[in-house]
Amino acid sequence: MNAYEKLDPKKRKILHARSRLTSVRYRSPVFLVGSALKAENPRDWDVRVVMTHRTFYQIFAAELNIEWGSLLPEEAAAHQWMQEGRTGEWTALRLRWGSECVKQGDSLCNYTGLNIDFQIQPSLENDFYYKDEPRTFLARAAPKEYQKVPLERV
């Protein structure tokens, strides 16, 4: 039995409720991945938001004027973000992303009492690196819920 299966029902309910709010905020599905699905006592709980290129661009890169060959700006931002992760040469794009991940991770830790490793990933990276990894769906808000909350740039 893995850690998620053993999780106290009250904590599980809180994790799902907070994930739903996260889904509304980012207009994207939220998943649990990693060791919490494989081990009884994981070091941390990996929570991931998988965004479309367009949403990722709107939140993190819209005013950065990122160019990547002939790619659309949305795709260029995802490619640059991945390259910065490989090289360690971060620009404003990765710094904004990192700050947002820490902020949301801390919030989830406070509400759930779990050691949350929170990351937002453009679908390009998720599909490239993690498509065959196990994942548990935590939340996806309905599109009508997205309309109630403005999309915030970081």
C-alpha atoms as a PDB file:
ATOM      1  CA  MET A   1       0.000   0.000   0.000  1.00  0.00           C
ATOM      2  CA  ASN A   2       1.419   3.408  -0.965  1.00  0.00           C
ATOM      3  CA  ALA A   3       1.330   6.630   1.071  1.00  0.00           C
ATOM      4  CA  TYR A   4      -1.622   8.065  -0.831  1.00  0.00           C
ATOM      5  CA  GLU A   5      -3.695   4.955  -0.188  1.00  0.00           C
ATOM      6  CA  LYS A   6      -2.790   5.128   3.506  1.00  0.00           C
ATOM      7  CA  LEU A   7      -3.445   8.861   3.828  1.00  0.00           C
ATOM      8  CA  ASP A   8      -5.917   9.839   6.534  1.00  0.00           C
ATOM      9  CA  PRO A   9      -9.309  10.519   4.870  1.00  0.00           C
ATOM     10  CA  LYS A  10      -9.483  14.001   6.399  1.00  0.00           C
ATOM     11  CA  LYS A  11      -6.069  14.950   4.965  1.00  0.00           C
ATOM     12  CA  ARG A  12      -7.003  13.416   1.618  1.00  0.00           C
ATOM     13  CA  LYS A  13     -10.144  15.532   1.503  1.00  0.00           C
ATOM     14  CA  ILE A  14      -8.115  18.669   2.282  1.00  0.00           C
ATOM     15  CA  LEU A  15      -5.534  17.755  -0.391  1.00  0.00           C
ATOM     16  CA  HIS A  16      -8.282  17.359  -2.994  1.00  0.00           C
ATOM     17  CA  ALA A  17     -10.083  20.547  -1.933  1.00  0.00           C
ATOM     18  CA  ARG A  18      -6.903  22.645  -2.094  1.00  0.00           C
ATOM     19  CA  SER A  19      -6.005  21.021  -5.421  1.00  0.00           C
ATOM     20  CA  ARG A  20      -9.382  22.065  -6.787  1.00  0.00           C
ATOM     21  CA  LEU A  21      -8.696  25.687  -5.831  1.00  0.00           C
ATOM     22  CA  THR A  22      -5.262  25.366  -7.445  1.00  0.00           C
ATOM     23  CA  SER A  23      -6.891  24.008 -10.584  1.00  0.00           C
ATOM     24  CA  VAL A  24      -9.207  27.015 -10.762  1.00  0.00           C
ATOM     25  CA  ARG A  25      -6.332  29.437 -10.188  1.00  0.00           C
ATOM     26  CA  TYR A  26      -4.215  27.963 -12.975  1.00  0.00           C
ATOM     27  CA  ARG A  27      -6.981  26.670 -15.263  1.00  0.00           C
ATOM     28  CA  SER A  28      -5.196  23.332 -15.372  1.00  0.00           C
ATOM     29  CA  PRO A  29      -5.441  19.809 -13.937  1.00  0.00           C
ATOM     30  CA  VAL A  30      -3.584  18.896 -10.748  1.00  0.00           C
ATOM     31  CA  PHE A  31      -1.906  15.513 -10.235  1.00  0.00           C
ATOM     32  CA  LEU A  32      -0.098  13.619  -7.519  1.00  0.00           C
ATOM     33  CA  VAL A  33       3.010  11.908  -8.891  1.00  0.00           C
ATOM     34  CA  GLY A  34       6.238  10.402  -7.626  1.00  0.00           C
ATOM     35  CA  SER A  35       7.117   8.532  -4.470  1.00  0.00           C
ATOM     36  CA  ALA A  36       3.794   9.036  -2.661  1.00  0.00           C
ATOM     37  CA  LEU A  37       2.349   6.654  -5.256  1.00  0.00           C
ATOM     38  CA  LYS A  38       5.215   4.175  -4.989  1.00  0.00           C
ATOM     39  CA  ALA A  39       6.318   4.094  -1.351  1.00  0.00           C
ATOM     40  CA  GLU A  40       4.735   3.850   2.088  1.00  0.00           C
ATOM     41  CA  ASN A  41       6.830   6.656   3.580  1.00  0.00           C
ATOM     42  CA  PRO A  42       7.827   9.156   0.896  1.00  0.00           C
ATOM     43  CA  ARG A  43      10.249  11.986   1.601  1.00  0.00           C
ATOM     44  CA  ASP A  44       7.790  14.398  -0.030  1.00  0.00           C
ATOM     45  CA  TRP A  45       4.528  14.546  -1.947  1.00  0.00           C
ATOM     46  CA  ASP A  46       4.950  15.618  -5.578  1.00  0.00           C
ATOM     47  CA  VAL A  47       1.989  17.721  -6.707  1.00  0.00           C
ATOM     48  CA  ARG A  48       2.028  18.883 -10.323  1.00  0.00           C
ATOM     49  CA  VAL A  49      -0.059  21.305 -12.329  1.00  0.00           C
ATOM     50  CA  VAL A  50       0.165  20.526 -16.043  1.00  0.00           C
ATOM     51  CA  MET A  51      -0.606  23.623 -18.123  1.00  0.00           C
ATOM     52  CA  THR A  52      -1.226  24.131 -21.772  1.00  0.00           C
ATOM     53  CA  HIS A  53       1.464  26.160 -23.512  1.00  0.00           C
ATOM     54  CA  ARG A  54      -0.965  29.049 -23.849  1.00  0.00           C
ATOM     55  CA  THR A  55      -1.821  29.218 -20.140  1.00  0.00           C
ATOM     56  CA  PHE A  56       1.838  28.862 -19.151  1.00  0.00           C
ATOM     57  CA  TYR A  57       2.714  31.718 -21.493  1.00  0.00           C
ATOM     58  CA  GLN A  58      -0.107  33.943 -20.232  1.00  0.00           C
ATOM     59  CA  ILE A  59       0.900  33.528 -16.597  1.00  0.00           C
ATOM     60  CA  PHE A  60       4.679  33.567 -16.789  1.00  0.00           C
ATOM     61  CA  ALA A  61       5.913  34.955 -20.085  1.00  0.00           C
ATOM     62  CA  ALA A  62       3.435  37.219 -21.895  1.00  0.00           C
ATOM     63  CA  GLU A  63       5.484  40.409 -21.571  1.00  0.00           C
ATOM     64  CA  LEU A  64       8.948  38.826 -21.870  1.00  0.00           C
ATOM     65  CA  ASN A  65       9.044  38.746 -25.699  1.00  0.00           C
ATOM     66  CA  ILE A  66      10.574  35.274 -25.891  1.00  0.00           C
ATOM     67  CA  GLU A  67      11.517  34.075 -29.353  1.00  0.00           C
ATOM     68  CA  TRP A  68      12.555  30.561 -30.344  1.00  0.00           C
ATOM     69  CA  GLY A  69      12.998  30.268 -34.073  1.00  0.00           C
ATOM     70  CA  SER A  70       9.694  30.076 -35.900  1.00  0.00           C
ATOM     71  CA  LEU A  71       7.700  28.799 -32.924  1.00  0.00           C
ATOM     72  CA  LEU A  72       4.630  30.589 -31.646  1.00  0.00           C
ATOM     73  CA  PRO A  73       5.314  32.628 -28.474  1.00  0.00           C
ATOM     74  CA  GLU A  74       3.468  30.049 -26.331  1.00  0.00           C
ATOM     75  CA  GLU A  75       5.660  27.227 -27.600  1.00  0.00           C
ATOM     76  CA  ALA A  76       8.813  29.358 -27.408  1.00  0.00           C
ATOM     77  CA  ALA A  77       8.215  30.054 -23.706  1.00  0.00           C
ATOM     78  CA  ALA A  78       7.857  26.326 -22.953  1.00  0.00           C
ATOM     79  CA  HIS A  79      11.031  25.483 -24.876  1.00  0.00           C
ATOM     80  CA  GLN A  80      13.019  28.255 -23.204  1.00  0.00           C
ATOM     81  CA  TRP A  81      11.765  27.182 -19.779  1.00  0.00           C
ATOM     82  CA  MET A  82      12.915  23.610 -20.442  1.00  0.00           C
ATOM     83  CA  GLN A  83      16.326  24.782 -21.685  1.00  0.00           C
ATOM     84  CA  GLU A  84      16.809  26.939 -18.589  1.00  0.00           C
ATOM     85  CA  GLY A  85      16.082  23.880 -16.473  1.00  0.00           C
ATOM     86  CA  ARG A  86      18.743  21.872 -18.311  1.00  0.00           C
ATOM     87  CA  THR A  87      21.418  24.583 -18.289  1.00  0.00           C
ATOM     88  CA  GLY A  88      20.740  26.254 -14.948  1.00  0.00           C
ATOM     89  CA  GLU A  89      20.898  29.647 -16.683  1.00  0.00           C
ATOM     90  CA  TRP A  90      17.676  31.117 -15.367  1.00  0.00           C
ATOM     91  CA  THR A  91      16.006  34.238 -16.728  1.00  0.00           C
ATOM     92  CA  ALA A  92      12.976  36.130 -15.439  1.00  0.00           C
ATOM     93  CA  LEU A  93      10.815  33.289 -16.811  1.00  0.00           C
ATOM     94  CA  ARG A  94      12.277  30.608 -14.506  1.00  0.00           C
ATOM     95  CA  LEU A  95      12.598  32.997 -11.571  1.00  0.00           C
ATOM     96  CA  ARG A  96       8.889  33.852 -11.759  1.00  0.00           C
ATOM     97  CA  TRP A  97       8.020  30.191 -12.109  1.00  0.00           C
ATOM     98  CA  GLY A  98      10.235  29.180  -9.161  1.00  0.00           C
ATOM     99  CA  SER A  99       8.806  31.850  -6.904  1.00  0.00           C
ATOM    100  CA  GLU A 100       5.253  30.805  -7.737  1.00  0.00           C
ATOM    101  CA  CYS A 101       6.005  27.118  -7.120  1.00  0.00           C
ATOM    102  CA  VAL A 102       7.489  27.876  -3.695  1.00  0.00           C
ATOM    103  CA  LYS A 103       4.536  30.081  -2.756  1.00  0.00           C
ATOM    104  CA  GLN A 104       1.935  27.505  -3.762  1.00  0.00           C
ATOM    105  CA  GLY A 105       3.911  24.623  -2.259  1.00  0.00           C
ATOM    106  CA  ASP A 106       4.119  26.403   1.095  1.00  0.00           C
ATOM    107  CA  SER A 107       0.388  27.047   1.011  1.00  0.00           C
ATOM    108  CA  LEU A 108      -0.380  23.375   0.313  1.00  0.00           C
ATOM    109  CA  CYS A 109       2.006  22.294   3.089  1.00  0.00           C
ATOM    110  CA  ASN A 110       0.266  24.603   5.559  1.00  0.00           C
ATOM    111  CA  TYR A 111      -3.198  23.304   4.721  1.00  0.00           C
ATOM    112  CA  THR A 112      -2.418  19.595   4.412  1.00  0.00           C
ATOM    113  CA  GLY A 113       0.443  19.090   6.865  1.00  0.00           C
ATOM    114  CA  LEU A 114       2.263  17.133   4.128  1.00  0.00           C
ATOM    115  CA  ASN A 115       5.738  17.896   2.773  1.00  0.00           C
ATOM    116  CA  ILE A 116       4.592  19.087  -0.661  1.00  0.00           C
ATOM    117  CA  ASP A 117       6.944  19.494  -3.630  1.00  0.00           C
ATOM    118  CA  PHE A 118       4.783  21.655  -5.895  1.00  0.00           C
ATOM    119  CA  GLN A 119       5.602  22.330  -9.526  1.00  0.00           C
ATOM    120  CA  ILE A 120       3.874  23.847 -12.486  1.00  0.00           C
ATOM    121  CA  GLN A 121       4.849  22.224 -15.779  1.00  0.00           C
ATOM    122  CA  PRO A 122       4.038  23.136 -19.342  1.00  0.00           C
ATOM    123  CA  SER A 123       2.546  20.119 -21.069  1.00  0.00           C
ATOM    124  CA  LEU A 124       5.608  19.922 -23.345  1.00  0.00           C
ATOM    125  CA  GLU A 125       7.870  18.962 -20.441  1.00  0.00           C
ATOM    126  CA  ASN A 126       5.310  16.730 -18.805  1.00  0.00           C
ATOM    127  CA  ASP A 127       4.678  14.818 -22.012  1.00  0.00           C
ATOM    128  CA  PHE A 128       8.394  14.537 -22.819  1.00  0.00           C
ATOM    129  CA  TYR A 129       9.676  13.371 -19.443  1.00  0.00           C
ATOM    130  CA  TYR A 130       6.775  11.985 -17.452  1.00  0.00           C
ATOM    131  CA  LYS A 131       4.108  10.584 -19.768  1.00  0.00           C
ATOM    132  CA  ASP A 132       4.684   6.990 -18.626  1.00  0.00           C
ATOM    133  CA  GLU A 133       5.000   7.737 -14.903  1.00  0.00           C
ATOM    134  CA  PRO A 134       2.154   6.839 -12.552  1.00  0.00           C
ATOM    135  CA  ARG A 135      -0.090   9.722 -11.526  1.00  0.00           C
ATOM    136  CA  THR A 136      -3.249  10.221  -9.545  1.00  0.00           C
ATOM    137  CA  PHE A 137      -5.679  12.872 -10.649  1.00  0.00           C
ATOM    138  CA  LEU A 138      -6.384  15.275  -7.769  1.00  0.00           C
ATOM    139  CA  ALA A 139      -8.537  17.947  -9.403  1.00  0.00           C
ATOM    140  CA  ARG A 140      -9.697  19.723 -12.496  1.00  0.00           C
ATOM    141  CA  ALA A 141     -12.157  22.541 -12.179  1.00  0.00           C
ATOM    142  CA  ALA A 142     -14.922  22.948 -14.719  1.00  0.00           C
ATOM    143  CA  PRO A 143     -14.355  25.672 -17.343  1.00  0.00           C
ATOM    144  CA  LYS A 144     -17.269  27.696 -15.947  1.00  0.00           C
ATOM    145  CA  GLU A 145     -15.367  27.934 -12.639  1.00  0.00           C
ATOM    146  CA  TYR A 146     -12.387  29.412 -14.475  1.00  0.00           C
ATOM    147  CA  GLN A 147     -14.531  32.360 -15.537  1.00  0.00           C
ATOM    148  CA  LYS A 148     -15.155  33.307 -11.887  1.00  0.00           C
ATOM    149  CA  VAL A 149     -11.477  33.910 -11.131  1.00  0.00           C
ATOM    150  CA  PRO A 150      -9.291  36.188 -13.261  1.00  0.00           C
ATOM    151  CA  LEU A 151      -6.099  34.679 -14.623  1.00  0.00           C
ATOM    152  CA  GLU A 152      -3.256  36.331 -12.721  1.00  0.00           C
ATOM    153  CA  ARG A 153       0.130  37.005 -14.237  1.00  0.00           C
ATOM    154  CA  VAL A 154       3.085  36.330 -12.015  1.00  0.00           C
END
